[in-house]
Protein backbone atom coordinates (compact mmCIF):
# COMPACT_ATOMS: atom_id res chain seq x y z
CA MET A 1 2.50 -2.92 -13.13
CA PRO A 2 5.66 -3.27 -15.32
CA GLY A 3 6.24 -6.75 -13.79
CA ARG A 4 4.69 -9.64 -15.53
CA THR A 5 5.65 -12.62 -13.29
CA HIS A 6 5.58 -13.34 -9.75
CA ARG A 7 9.28 -12.70 -9.66
CA THR A 8 9.39 -9.26 -11.05
CA CYS A 9 5.86 -7.75 -9.31
CA PRO A 10 6.80 -7.48 -5.71
CA PRO A 11 9.00 -4.48 -5.78
CA TYR A 12 6.77 -2.21 -7.40
CA PRO A 13 3.68 -1.43 -5.09
CA GLY A 14 5.93 -0.70 -2.20
CA ALA A 15 8.45 1.18 -4.26
CA ARG A 16 5.38 3.83 -5.37
CA GLY A 17 4.66 4.16 -1.56
CA HIS A 18 1.49 2.25 -1.82
CA ASP A 19 0.39 -0.22 0.92
CA PHE A 20 -1.01 -3.45 -0.55
CA GLU A 21 -2.56 -6.92 -0.07
CA ILE A 22 -2.20 -10.14 -2.00
CA LEU A 23 -5.11 -12.25 -2.71
CA ASP A 24 -5.25 -15.61 -3.87
CA ALA A 25 -1.83 -15.85 -5.30
CA PRO A 26 0.54 -18.24 -3.33
CA GLU A 27 3.66 -17.96 -5.97
CA LEU A 28 3.39 -13.60 -5.43
CA THR A 29 2.95 -14.26 -1.72
CA ALA A 30 6.24 -16.26 -1.63
CA ALA A 31 8.19 -14.10 -3.84
CA THR A 32 6.95 -11.17 -1.85
CA ALA A 33 8.30 -12.79 1.47
CA ARG A 34 11.56 -13.71 -0.17
CA LEU A 35 12.23 -9.85 -0.92
CA ALA A 36 10.87 -8.53 2.20
CA GLU A 37 13.34 -10.92 4.10
CA ARG A 38 16.25 -9.87 1.74
CA CYS A 39 15.22 -6.20 2.35
CA ARG A 40 15.35 -6.68 5.95
CA LEU A 41 18.94 -8.28 5.96
CA ALA A 42 19.89 -5.41 3.84
CA ALA A 43 18.64 -2.79 6.29
CA GLU A 44 20.18 -4.53 9.16
CA GLY A 45 23.75 -4.50 7.09
CA ALA A 46 24.09 -8.40 6.80
CA SER A 47 26.68 -8.87 3.98
CA GLY A 48 25.58 -11.20 1.50
CA ALA A 49 21.85 -10.52 1.70
CA TRP A 50 21.36 -10.37 -1.94
């Protein structure tokens, strides 16, 4: 993956169209959850989602 930290990794598996599971990486789990929430808000058209 191009991302080398828990902050830069989350977009890549989903952007490539792959399902994925996070095993034993609490920092990556939290970063992915934050990204998912931002995407949800953006999809709903919430202003200021990013």
